[in-house]
């Protein structure tokens, strides 16, 4: 399932996932694409809530105005994360150590 909200000039904070992952089957790959908007606020951990029931999760929130740190528990709350593109934002701090525990993460920028 793909939710592509890219390039729409949306403003405000990152939304919570627009789908309930617990309703999806384990074999589902879920992509949340919101690149090229004007999203602001902190990089919210709620974006990754309950994604462990998915086969794979892809998140692209690049080219926005997000700030703060990547949630330090991201690697423990979203073991199905395969792609995270948060480039061209105003994110600060270090890369969470828990991302190193994601054996199937193959793209991080």
PDB file of N, CA and C in Angstrom:
ATOM      1  N   UNK A   1       0.850  -1.163   0.000  1.00  0.00           N
ATOM      2  CA  UNK A   1       0.000   0.000   0.000  1.00  0.00           C
ATOM      3  C   UNK A   1       0.896   1.226   0.000  1.00  0.00           C
ATOM      4  N   UNK A   2       0.591   2.167  -0.857  1.00  0.00           N
ATOM      5  CA  UNK A   2       1.375   3.392  -0.961  1.00  0.00           C
ATOM      6  C   UNK A   2       0.467   4.586  -0.715  1.00  0.00           C
ATOM      7  N   UNK A   3       0.921   5.462   0.167  1.00  0.00           N
ATOM      8  CA  UNK A   3       0.275   6.756   0.351  1.00  0.00           C
ATOM      9  C   UNK A   3       1.284   7.795  -0.107  1.00  0.00           C
ATOM     10  N   UNK A   4       1.031   8.396  -1.245  1.00  0.00           N
ATOM     11  CA  UNK A   4       1.944   9.384  -1.807  1.00  0.00           C
ATOM     12  C   UNK A   4       1.328  10.770  -1.671  1.00  0.00           C
ATOM     13  N   UNK A   5       1.874  11.535  -0.742  1.00  0.00           N
ATOM     14  CA  UNK A   5       1.432  12.905  -0.499  1.00  0.00           C
ATOM     15  C   UNK A   5       2.509  13.896  -0.933  1.00  0.00           C
ATOM     16  N   UNK A   6       3.454  13.437  -1.738  1.00  0.00           N
ATOM     17  CA  UNK A   6       4.591  14.254  -2.133  1.00  0.00           C
ATOM     18  C   UNK A   6       4.221  15.419  -3.033  1.00  0.00           C
ATOM     19  N   UNK A   7       4.946  16.533  -2.848  1.00  0.00           N
ATOM     20  CA  UNK A   7       4.823  17.691  -3.719  1.00  0.00           C
ATOM     21  C   UNK A   7       3.489  18.401  -3.685  1.00  0.00           C
ATOM     22  N   UNK A   8       2.833  18.415  -2.544  1.00  0.00           N
ATOM     23  CA  UNK A   8       1.510  19.035  -2.449  1.00  0.00           C
ATOM     24  C   UNK A   8       1.468  20.323  -1.642  1.00  0.00           C
ATOM     25  N   UNK A   9       2.614  20.797  -1.169  1.00  0.00           N
ATOM     26  CA  UNK A   9       2.687  22.004  -0.344  1.00  0.00           C
ATOM     27  C   UNK A   9       1.907  21.884   0.960  1.00  0.00           C
ATOM     28  N   UNK A  10       1.769  20.653   1.486  1.00  0.00           N
ATOM     29  CA  UNK A  10       1.144  20.477   2.793  1.00  0.00           C
ATOM     30  C   UNK A  10       2.006  21.163   3.855  1.00  0.00           C
ATOM     31  N   UNK A  11       1.364  21.705   4.861  1.00  0.00           N
ATOM     32  CA  UNK A  11       2.063  22.380   5.952  1.00  0.00           C
ATOM     33  C   UNK A  11       1.693  21.727   7.268  1.00  0.00           C
ATOM     34  N   UNK A  12       2.428  22.075   8.307  1.00  0.00           N
ATOM     35  CA  UNK A  12       2.136  21.568   9.636  1.00  0.00           C
ATOM     36  C   UNK A  12       2.986  20.362   9.981  1.00  0.00           C
ATOM     37  N   UNK A  13       2.655  19.706  11.090  1.00  0.00           N
ATOM     38  CA  UNK A  13       3.450  18.569  11.557  1.00  0.00           C
ATOM     39  C   UNK A  13       3.236  17.321  10.703  1.00  0.00           C
ATOM     40  N   UNK A  14       4.172  16.386  10.828  1.00  0.00           N
ATOM     41  CA  UNK A  14       4.018  15.100  10.150  1.00  0.00           C
ATOM     42  C   UNK A  14       2.752  14.445  10.681  1.00  0.00           C
ATOM     43  N   UNK A  15       1.911  13.962   9.804  1.00  0.00           N
ATOM     44  CA  UNK A  15       0.687  13.301  10.274  1.00  0.00           C
ATOM     45  C   UNK A  15       0.978  11.915  10.834  1.00  0.00           C
ATOM     46  N   UNK A  16       0.032  11.421  11.602  1.00  0.00           N
ATOM     47  CA  UNK A  16       0.094  10.040  12.036  1.00  0.00           C
ATOM     48  C   UNK A  16      -0.197   9.190  10.818  1.00  0.00           C
ATOM     49  N   UNK A  17       0.242   7.950  10.797  1.00  0.00           N
ATOM     50  CA  UNK A  17       0.001   7.088   9.635  1.00  0.00           C
ATOM     51  C   UNK A  17      -1.469   7.103   9.254  1.00  0.00           C
ATOM     52  N   UNK A  18      -1.766   7.328   7.978  1.00  0.00           N
ATOM     53  CA  UNK A  18      -3.166   7.382   7.564  1.00  0.00           C
ATOM     54  C   UNK A  18      -3.812   6.015   7.382  1.00  0.00           C
ATOM     55  N   UNK A  19      -3.207   4.977   7.905  1.00  0.00           N
ATOM     56  CA  UNK A  19      -3.768   3.631   7.825  1.00  0.00           C
ATOM     57  C   UNK A  19      -3.436   2.921   9.132  1.00  0.00           C
ATOM     58  N   UNK A  20      -4.260   2.022   9.527  1.00  0.00           N
ATOM     59  CA  UNK A  20      -4.013   1.244  10.738  1.00  0.00           C
ATOM     60  C   UNK A  20      -3.246  -0.021  10.340  1.00  0.00           C
ATOM     61  N   UNK A  21      -1.928  -0.069  10.571  1.00  0.00           N
ATOM     62  CA  UNK A  21      -1.137  -1.219  10.146  1.00  0.00           C
ATOM     63  C   UNK A  21      -1.628  -2.548  10.696  1.00  0.00           C
ATOM     64  N   UNK A  22      -2.285  -2.537  11.848  1.00  0.00           N
ATOM     65  CA  UNK A  22      -2.756  -3.807  12.411  1.00  0.00           C
ATOM     66  C   UNK A  22      -3.845  -4.437  11.546  1.00  0.00           C
ATOM     67  N   UNK A  23      -4.460  -3.664  10.663  1.00  0.00           N
ATOM     68  CA  UNK A  23      -5.468  -4.207   9.758  1.00  0.00           C
ATOM     69  C   UNK A  23      -4.855  -4.803   8.490  1.00  0.00           C
ATOM     70  N   UNK A  24      -3.599  -4.504   8.266  1.00  0.00           N
ATOM     71  CA  UNK A  24      -2.933  -5.003   7.070  1.00  0.00           C
ATOM     72  C   UNK A  24      -2.328  -6.367   7.350  1.00  0.00           C
ATOM     73  N   UNK A  25      -2.184  -7.143   6.320  1.00  0.00           N
ATOM     74  CA  UNK A  25      -1.571  -8.454   6.492  1.00  0.00           C
ATOM     75  C   UNK A  25      -0.067  -8.315   6.644  1.00  0.00           C
ATOM     76  N   UNK A  26       0.546  -9.321   7.259  1.00  0.00           N
ATOM     77  CA  UNK A  26       1.988  -9.284   7.513  1.00  0.00           C
ATOM     78  C   UNK A  26       2.806  -9.152   6.231  1.00  0.00           C
ATOM     79  N   UNK A  27       2.293  -9.564   5.091  1.00  0.00           N
ATOM     80  CA  UNK A  27       3.052  -9.523   3.853  1.00  0.00           C
ATOM     81  C   UNK A  27       2.998  -8.163   3.162  1.00  0.00           C
ATOM     82  N   UNK A  28       2.388  -7.203   3.773  1.00  0.00           N
ATOM     83  CA  UNK A  28       2.203  -5.903   3.167  1.00  0.00           C
ATOM     84  C   UNK A  28       3.437  -5.029   3.316  1.00  0.00           C
ATOM     85  N   UNK A  29       3.783  -4.349   2.236  1.00  0.00           N
ATOM     86  CA  UNK A  29       4.781  -3.293   2.285  1.00  0.00           C
ATOM     87  C   UNK A  29       4.011  -1.982   2.279  1.00  0.00           C
ATOM     88  N   UNK A  30       4.352  -1.103   3.205  1.00  0.00           N
ATOM     89  CA  UNK A  30       3.656   0.168   3.338  1.00  0.00           C
ATOM     90  C   UNK A  30       4.637   1.289   3.040  1.00  0.00           C
ATOM     91  N   UNK A  31       4.268   2.183   2.141  1.00  0.00           N
ATOM     92  CA  UNK A  31       5.109   3.325   1.799  1.00  0.00           C
ATOM     93  C   UNK A  31       4.372   4.614   2.142  1.00  0.00           C
ATOM     94  N   UNK A  32       5.020   5.453   2.936  1.00  0.00           N
ATOM     95  CA  UNK A  32       4.496   6.778   3.272  1.00  0.00           C
ATOM     96  C   UNK A  32       5.444   7.785   2.641  1.00  0.00           C
ATOM     97  N   UNK A  33       4.963   8.480   1.624  1.00  0.00           N
ATOM     98  CA  UNK A  33       5.793   9.427   0.886  1.00  0.00           C
ATOM     99  C   UNK A  33       5.186  10.816   1.048  1.00  0.00           C
ATOM    100  N   UNK A  34       5.940  11.700   1.661  1.00  0.00           N
ATOM    101  CA  UNK A  34       5.485  13.074   1.876  1.00  0.00           C
ATOM    102  C   UNK A  34       6.625  14.053   1.583  1.00  0.00           C
ATOM    103  N   UNK A  35       7.417  13.725   0.592  1.00  0.00           N
ATOM    104  CA  UNK A  35       8.547  14.585   0.243  1.00  0.00           C
ATOM    105  C   UNK A  35       8.063  15.822  -0.508  1.00  0.00           C
ATOM    106  N   UNK A  36       8.876  16.884  -0.436  1.00  0.00           N
ATOM    107  CA  UNK A  36       8.585  18.083  -1.200  1.00  0.00           C
ATOM    108  C   UNK A  36       7.376  18.857  -0.739  1.00  0.00           C
ATOM    109  N   UNK A  37       7.119  18.842   0.558  1.00  0.00           N
ATOM    110  CA  UNK A  37       6.039  19.630   1.128  1.00  0.00           C
ATOM    111  C   UNK A  37       6.648  20.716   2.006  1.00  0.00           C
ATOM    112  N   UNK A  38       5.861  21.241   2.908  1.00  0.00           N
ATOM    113  CA  UNK A  38       6.344  22.240   3.859  1.00  0.00           C
ATOM    114  C   UNK A  38       6.021  21.782   5.276  1.00  0.00           C
ATOM    115  N   UNK A  39       6.217  20.484   5.519  1.00  0.00           N
ATOM    116  CA  UNK A  39       5.936  19.936   6.840  1.00  0.00           C
ATOM    117  C   UNK A  39       6.929  20.509   7.841  1.00  0.00           C
ATOM    118  N   UNK A  40       6.443  20.833   9.021  1.00  0.00           N
ATOM    119  CA  UNK A  40       7.269  21.444  10.060  1.00  0.00           C
ATOM    120  C   UNK A  40       7.132  20.658  11.355  1.00  0.00           C
ATOM    121  N   UNK A  41       7.855  21.100  12.350  1.00  0.00           N
ATOM    122  CA  UNK A  41       7.781  20.475  13.661  1.00  0.00           C
ATOM    123  C   UNK A  41       8.834  19.409  13.817  1.00  0.00           C
ATOM    124  N   UNK A  42       8.715  18.678  14.894  1.00  0.00           N
ATOM    125  CA  UNK A  42       9.710  17.654  15.194  1.00  0.00           C
ATOM    126  C   UNK A  42       9.447  16.398  14.376  1.00  0.00           C
ATOM    127  N   UNK A  43      10.499  15.629  14.235  1.00  0.00           N
ATOM    128  CA  UNK A  43      10.422  14.351  13.540  1.00  0.00           C
ATOM    129  C   UNK A  43       9.751  13.390  14.503  1.00  0.00           C
ATOM    130  N   UNK A  44       8.490  13.151  14.304  1.00  0.00           N
ATOM    131  CA  UNK A  44       7.659  12.450  15.274  1.00  0.00           C
ATOM    132  C   UNK A  44       7.801  10.934  15.224  1.00  0.00           C
ATOM    133  N   UNK A  45       7.912  10.328  16.387  1.00  0.00           N
ATOM    134  CA  UNK A  45       7.924   8.875  16.477  1.00  0.00           C
ATOM    135  C   UNK A  45       6.570   8.263  16.189  1.00  0.00           C
ATOM    136  N   UNK A  46       5.499   9.056  16.264  1.00  0.00           N
ATOM    137  CA  UNK A  46       4.157   8.516  16.006  1.00  0.00           C
ATOM    138  C   UNK A  46       4.008   8.059  14.561  1.00  0.00           C
ATOM    139  N   UNK A  47       4.846   8.556  13.685  1.00  0.00           N
ATOM    140  CA  UNK A  47       4.806   8.120  12.293  1.00  0.00           C
ATOM    141  C   UNK A  47       5.105   6.635  12.172  1.00  0.00           C
ATOM    142  N   UNK A  48       5.842   6.107  13.121  1.00  0.00           N
ATOM    143  CA  UNK A  48       6.292   4.722  13.049  1.00  0.00           C
ATOM    144  C   UNK A  48       5.522   3.783  13.977  1.00  0.00           C
ATOM    145  N   UNK A  49       4.502   4.281  14.645  1.00  0.00           N
ATOM    146  CA  UNK A  49       3.756   3.463  15.579  1.00  0.00           C
ATOM    147  C   UNK A  49       3.109   2.247  14.935  1.00  0.00           C
ATOM    148  N   UNK A  50       3.236   1.123  15.565  1.00  0.00           N
ATOM    149  CA  UNK A  50       2.599  -0.130  15.168  1.00  0.00           C
ATOM    150  C   UNK A  50       2.987  -0.609  13.768  1.00  0.00           C
ATOM    151  N   UNK A  51       4.169  -0.312  13.314  1.00  0.00           N
ATOM    152  CA  UNK A  51       4.555  -0.758  11.972  1.00  0.00           C
ATOM    153  C   UNK A  51       5.198  -2.140  11.992  1.00  0.00           C
ATOM    154  N   UNK A  52       5.374  -2.727  13.162  1.00  0.00           N
ATOM    155  CA  UNK A  52       6.006  -4.038  13.227  1.00  0.00           C
ATOM    156  C   UNK A  52       5.154  -5.152  12.639  1.00  0.00           C
ATOM    157  N   UNK A  53       3.876  -4.929  12.435  1.00  0.00           N
ATOM    158  CA  UNK A  53       3.041  -5.938  11.816  1.00  0.00           C
ATOM    159  C   UNK A  53       3.190  -5.991  10.304  1.00  0.00           C
ATOM    160  N   UNK A  54       3.990  -5.084   9.757  1.00  0.00           N
ATOM    161  CA  UNK A  54       4.168  -5.018   8.315  1.00  0.00           C
ATOM    162  C   UNK A  54       5.376  -5.825   7.872  1.00  0.00           C
ATOM    163  N   UNK A  55       5.359  -6.242   6.637  1.00  0.00           N
ATOM    164  CA  UNK A  55       6.515  -6.918   6.051  1.00  0.00           C
ATOM    165  C   UNK A  55       7.653  -5.924   5.859  1.00  0.00           C
ATOM    166  N   UNK A  56       7.318  -4.722   5.379  1.00  0.00           N
ATOM    167  CA  UNK A  56       8.319  -3.684   5.162  1.00  0.00           C
ATOM    168  C   UNK A  56       7.654  -2.318   5.217  1.00  0.00           C
ATOM    169  N   UNK A  57       8.413  -1.329   5.698  1.00  0.00           N
ATOM    170  CA  UNK A  57       7.920   0.037   5.737  1.00  0.00           C
ATOM    171  C   UNK A  57       8.935   0.945   5.064  1.00  0.00           C
ATOM    172  N   UNK A  58       8.417   1.838   4.218  1.00  0.00           N
ATOM    173  CA  UNK A  58       9.229   2.808   3.500  1.00  0.00           C
ATOM    174  C   UNK A  58       8.713   4.189   3.874  1.00  0.00           C
ATOM    175  N   UNK A  59       9.618   5.076   4.299  1.00  0.00           N
ATOM    176  CA  UNK A  59       9.231   6.430   4.688  1.00  0.00           C
ATOM    177  C   UNK A  59      10.117   7.420   3.955  1.00  0.00           C
ATOM    178  N   UNK A  60       9.482   8.357   3.251  1.00  0.00           N
ATOM    179  CA  UNK A  60      10.213   9.429   2.594  1.00  0.00           C
ATOM    180  C   UNK A  60       9.567  10.743   2.984  1.00  0.00           C
ATOM    181  N   UNK A  61      10.245  11.490   3.836  1.00  0.00           N
ATOM    182  CA  UNK A  61       9.789  12.814   4.260  1.00  0.00           C
ATOM    183  C   UNK A  61      10.849  13.858   3.910  1.00  0.00           C
ATOM    184  N   UNK A  62      11.578  13.602   2.844  1.00  0.00           N
ATOM    185  CA  UNK A  62      12.651  14.512   2.433  1.00  0.00           C
ATOM    186  C   UNK A  62      12.090  15.840   1.925  1.00  0.00           C
ATOM    187  N   UNK A  63      12.973  16.840   1.917  1.00  0.00           N
ATOM    188  CA  UNK A  63      12.645  18.164   1.377  1.00  0.00           C
ATOM    189  C   UNK A  63      11.436  18.797   2.041  1.00  0.00           C
ATOM    190  N   UNK A  64      11.472  18.848   3.362  1.00  0.00           N
ATOM    191  CA  UNK A  64      10.474  19.532   4.163  1.00  0.00           C
ATOM    192  C   UNK A  64      11.202  20.479   5.109  1.00  0.00           C
ATOM    193  N   UNK A  65      10.570  20.842   6.195  1.00  0.00           N
ATOM    194  CA  UNK A  65      11.187  21.728   7.185  1.00  0.00           C
ATOM    195  C   UNK A  65      11.124  21.086   8.566  1.00  0.00           C
ATOM    196  N   UNK A  66      11.336  19.782   8.620  1.00  0.00           N
ATOM    197  CA  UNK A  66      11.274  19.059   9.886  1.00  0.00           C
ATOM    198  C   UNK A  66      12.515  19.375  10.710  1.00  0.00           C
ATOM    199  N   UNK A  67      12.355  19.393  12.017  1.00  0.00           N
ATOM    200  CA  UNK A  67      13.466  19.726  12.904  1.00  0.00           C
ATOM    201  C   UNK A  67      13.538  18.722  14.041  1.00  0.00           C
ATOM    202  N   UNK A  68      14.512  18.912  14.883  1.00  0.00           N
ATOM    203  CA  UNK A  68      14.691  18.030  16.026  1.00  0.00           C
ATOM    204  C   UNK A  68      15.480  16.793  15.659  1.00  0.00           C
ATOM    205  N   UNK A  69      15.376  15.792  16.499  1.00  0.00           N
ATOM    206  CA  UNK A  69      16.134  14.557  16.308  1.00  0.00           C
ATOM    207  C   UNK A  69      15.248  13.440  15.801  1.00  0.00           C
ATOM    208  N   UNK A  70      15.872  12.474  15.130  1.00  0.00           N
ATOM    209  CA  UNK A  70      15.164  11.249  14.771  1.00  0.00           C
ATOM    210  C   UNK A  70      14.910  10.510  16.077  1.00  0.00           C
ATOM    211  N   UNK A  71      13.712   9.997  16.309  1.00  0.00           N
ATOM    212  CA  UNK A  71      13.409   9.317  17.573  1.00  0.00           C
ATOM    213  C   UNK A  71      14.437   8.232  17.889  1.00  0.00           C
ATOM    214  N   UNK A  72      14.996   8.273  19.112  1.00  0.00           N
ATOM    215  CA  UNK A  72      16.094   7.367  19.452  1.00  0.00           C
ATOM    216  C   UNK A  72      15.665   5.907  19.520  1.00  0.00           C
ATOM    217  N   UNK A  73      14.374   5.618  19.668  1.00  0.00           N
ATOM    218  CA  UNK A  73      13.906   4.226  19.730  1.00  0.00           C
ATOM    219  C   UNK A  73      13.362   3.724  18.398  1.00  0.00           C
ATOM    220  N   UNK A  74      13.615   4.442  17.333  1.00  0.00           N
ATOM    221  CA  UNK A  74      13.033   4.083  16.041  1.00  0.00           C
ATOM    222  C   UNK A  74      13.348   2.642  15.641  1.00  0.00           C
ATOM    223  N   UNK A  75      14.540   2.170  15.943  1.00  0.00           N
ATOM    224  CA  UNK A  75      14.930   0.807  15.587  1.00  0.00           C
ATOM    225  C   UNK A  75      14.245  -0.266  16.401  1.00  0.00           C
ATOM    226  N   UNK A  76      13.689   0.107  17.541  1.00  0.00           N
ATOM    227  CA  UNK A  76      12.982  -0.875  18.360  1.00  0.00           C
ATOM    228  C   UNK A  76      11.470  -0.810  18.160  1.00  0.00           C
ATOM    229  N   UNK A  77      10.948   0.351  17.746  1.00  0.00           N
ATOM    230  CA  UNK A  77       9.502   0.457  17.546  1.00  0.00           C
ATOM    231  C   UNK A  77       9.083   0.148  16.115  1.00  0.00           C
ATOM    232  N   UNK A  78      10.041   0.090  15.201  1.00  0.00           N
ATOM    233  CA  UNK A  78       9.697  -0.166  13.795  1.00  0.00           C
ATOM    234  C   UNK A  78      10.736  -1.092  13.164  1.00  0.00           C
ATOM    235  N   UNK A  79      10.698  -2.344  13.541  1.00  0.00           N
ATOM    236  CA  UNK A  79      11.666  -3.318  13.037  1.00  0.00           C
ATOM    237  C   UNK A  79      11.483  -3.605  11.553  1.00  0.00           C
ATOM    238  N   UNK A  80      10.341  -3.234  10.977  1.00  0.00           N
ATOM    239  CA  UNK A  80      10.085  -3.482   9.561  1.00  0.00           C
ATOM    240  C   UNK A  80      10.571  -2.342   8.659  1.00  0.00           C
ATOM    241  N   UNK A  81      11.189  -1.313   9.237  1.00  0.00           N
ATOM    242  CA  UNK A  81      11.670  -0.177   8.451  1.00  0.00           C
ATOM    243  C   UNK A  81      12.769  -0.617   7.491  1.00  0.00           C
ATOM    244  N   UNK A  82      12.561  -0.348   6.205  1.00  0.00           N
ATOM    245  CA  UNK A  82      13.535  -0.716   5.174  1.00  0.00           C
ATOM    246  C   UNK A  82      14.179   0.505   4.540  1.00  0.00           C
ATOM    247  N   UNK A  83      13.405   1.612   4.434  1.00  0.00           N
ATOM    248  CA  UNK A  83      13.892   2.835   3.802  1.00  0.00           C
ATOM    249  C   UNK A  83      13.462   4.022   4.655  1.00  0.00           C
ATOM    250  N   UNK A  84      14.408   4.905   4.948  1.00  0.00           N
ATOM    251  CA  UNK A  84      14.103   6.158   5.626  1.00  0.00           C
ATOM    252  C   UNK A  84      14.867   7.266   4.923  1.00  0.00           C
ATOM    253  N   UNK A  85      14.126   8.142   4.249  1.00  0.00           N
ATOM    254  CA  UNK A  85      14.727   9.305   3.605  1.00  0.00           C
ATOM    255  C   UNK A  85      14.184  10.538   4.288  1.00  0.00           C
ATOM    256  N   UNK A  86      15.019  11.161   5.090  1.00  0.00           N
ATOM    257  CA  UNK A  86      14.659  12.389   5.790  1.00  0.00           C
ATOM    258  C   UNK A  86      15.632  13.500   5.411  1.00  0.00           C
ATOM    259  N   UNK A  87      16.215  13.387   4.236  1.00  0.00           N
ATOM    260  CA  UNK A  87      17.201  14.360   3.779  1.00  0.00           C
ATOM    261  C   UNK A  87      16.552  15.712   3.492  1.00  0.00           C
ATOM    262  N   UNK A  88      17.409  16.745   3.443  1.00  0.00           N
ATOM    263  CA  UNK A  88      16.986  18.114   3.132  1.00  0.00           C
ATOM    264  C   UNK A  88      15.915  18.614   4.095  1.00  0.00           C
ATOM    265  N   UNK A  89      16.145  18.395   5.377  1.00  0.00           N
ATOM    266  CA  UNK A  89      15.326  18.926   6.452  1.00  0.00           C
ATOM    267  C   UNK A  89      16.250  19.668   7.407  1.00  0.00           C
ATOM    268  N   UNK A  90      15.777  19.980   8.573  1.00  0.00           N
ATOM    269  CA  UNK A  90      16.582  20.663   9.579  1.00  0.00           C
ATOM    270  C   UNK A  90      16.763  19.767  10.797  1.00  0.00           C
ATOM    271  N   UNK A  91      16.950  18.486  10.548  1.00  0.00           N
ATOM    272  CA  UNK A  91      17.087  17.501  11.613  1.00  0.00           C
ATOM    273  C   UNK A  91      18.473  17.636  12.233  1.00  0.00           C
ATOM    274  N   UNK A  92      18.520  17.535  13.550  1.00  0.00           N
ATOM    275  CA  UNK A  92      19.778  17.699  14.274  1.00  0.00           C
ATOM    276  C   UNK A  92      20.063  16.467  15.110  1.00  0.00           C
ATOM    277  N   UNK A  93      21.224  16.436  15.678  1.00  0.00           N
ATOM    278  CA  UNK A  93      21.600  15.337  16.557  1.00  0.00           C
ATOM    279  C   UNK A  93      22.226  14.187  15.798  1.00  0.00           C
ATOM    280  N   UNK A  94      22.460  13.123  16.526  1.00  0.00           N
ATOM    281  CA  UNK A  94      23.121  11.967  15.929  1.00  0.00           C
ATOM    282  C   UNK A  94      22.101  10.949  15.437  1.00  0.00           C
ATOM    283  N   UNK A  95      22.584  10.040  14.613  1.00  0.00           N
ATOM    284  CA  UNK A  95      21.742   8.956  14.125  1.00  0.00           C
ATOM    285  C   UNK A  95      21.516   7.989  15.286  1.00  0.00           C
ATOM    286  N   UNK A  96      20.272   7.635  15.572  1.00  0.00           N
ATOM    287  CA  UNK A  96      20.001   6.743  16.696  1.00  0.00           C
ATOM    288  C   UNK A  96      20.723   5.402  16.561  1.00  0.00           C
ATOM    289  N   UNK A  97      21.327   4.969  17.637  1.00  0.00           N
ATOM    290  CA  UNK A  97      22.048   3.704  17.649  1.00  0.00           C
ATOM    291  C   UNK A  97      21.124   2.531  17.326  1.00  0.00           C
ATOM    292  N   UNK A  98      19.853   2.639  17.663  1.00  0.00           N
ATOM    293  CA  UNK A  98      18.911   1.551  17.425  1.00  0.00           C
ATOM    294  C   UNK A  98      18.727   1.258  15.937  1.00  0.00           C
ATOM    295  N   UNK A  99      19.043   2.221  15.064  1.00  0.00           N
ATOM    296  CA  UNK A  99      18.957   1.949  13.628  1.00  0.00           C
ATOM    297  C   UNK A  99      19.954   0.875  13.212  1.00  0.00           C
ATOM    298  N   UNK A 100      21.035   0.746  13.947  1.00  0.00           N
ATOM    299  CA  UNK A 100      22.020  -0.295  13.659  1.00  0.00           C
ATOM    300  C   UNK A 100      21.496  -1.693  13.903  1.00  0.00           C
ATOM    301  N   UNK A 101      20.407  -1.811  14.644  1.00  0.00           N
ATOM    302  CA  UNK A 101      19.803  -3.115  14.917  1.00  0.00           C
ATOM    303  C   UNK A 101      18.857  -3.572  13.808  1.00  0.00           C
ATOM    304  N   UNK A 102      18.600  -2.710  12.852  1.00  0.00           N
ATOM    305  CA  UNK A 102      17.676  -3.044  11.766  1.00  0.00           C
ATOM    306  C   UNK A 102      18.449  -3.744  10.654  1.00  0.00           C
ATOM    307  N   UNK A 103      18.445  -5.052  10.684  1.00  0.00           N
ATOM    308  CA  UNK A 103      19.218  -5.849   9.733  1.00  0.00           C
ATOM    309  C   UNK A 103      18.768  -5.673   8.294  1.00  0.00           C
ATOM    310  N   UNK A 104      17.513  -5.302   8.078  1.00  0.00           N
ATOM    311  CA  UNK A 104      16.985  -5.197   6.724  1.00  0.00           C
ATOM    312  C   UNK A 104      16.856  -3.764   6.233  1.00  0.00           C
ATOM    313  N   UNK A 105      17.318  -2.792   7.025  1.00  0.00           N
ATOM    314  CA  UNK A 105      17.324  -1.402   6.576  1.00  0.00           C
ATOM    315  C   UNK A 105      18.372  -1.275   5.486  1.00  0.00           C
ATOM    316  N   UNK A 106      17.958  -0.864   4.294  1.00  0.00           N
ATOM    317  CA  UNK A 106      18.938  -0.786   3.228  1.00  0.00           C
ATOM    318  C   UNK A 106      19.115   0.606   2.648  1.00  0.00           C
ATOM    319  N   UNK A 107      18.333   1.586   3.098  1.00  0.00           N
ATOM    320  CA  UNK A 107      18.506   2.939   2.605  1.00  0.00           C
ATOM    321  C   UNK A 107      18.217   3.916   3.732  1.00  0.00           C
ATOM    322  N   UNK A 108      19.191   4.747   4.048  1.00  0.00           N
ATOM    323  CA  UNK A 108      19.058   5.762   5.093  1.00  0.00           C
ATOM    324  C   UNK A 108      19.735   7.023   4.610  1.00  0.00           C
ATOM    325  N   UNK A 109      18.969   8.070   4.493  1.00  0.00           N
ATOM    326  CA  UNK A 109      19.554   9.350   4.097  1.00  0.00           C
ATOM    327  C   UNK A 109      18.777  10.487   4.718  1.00  0.00           C
TER     328      UNK A 109
END
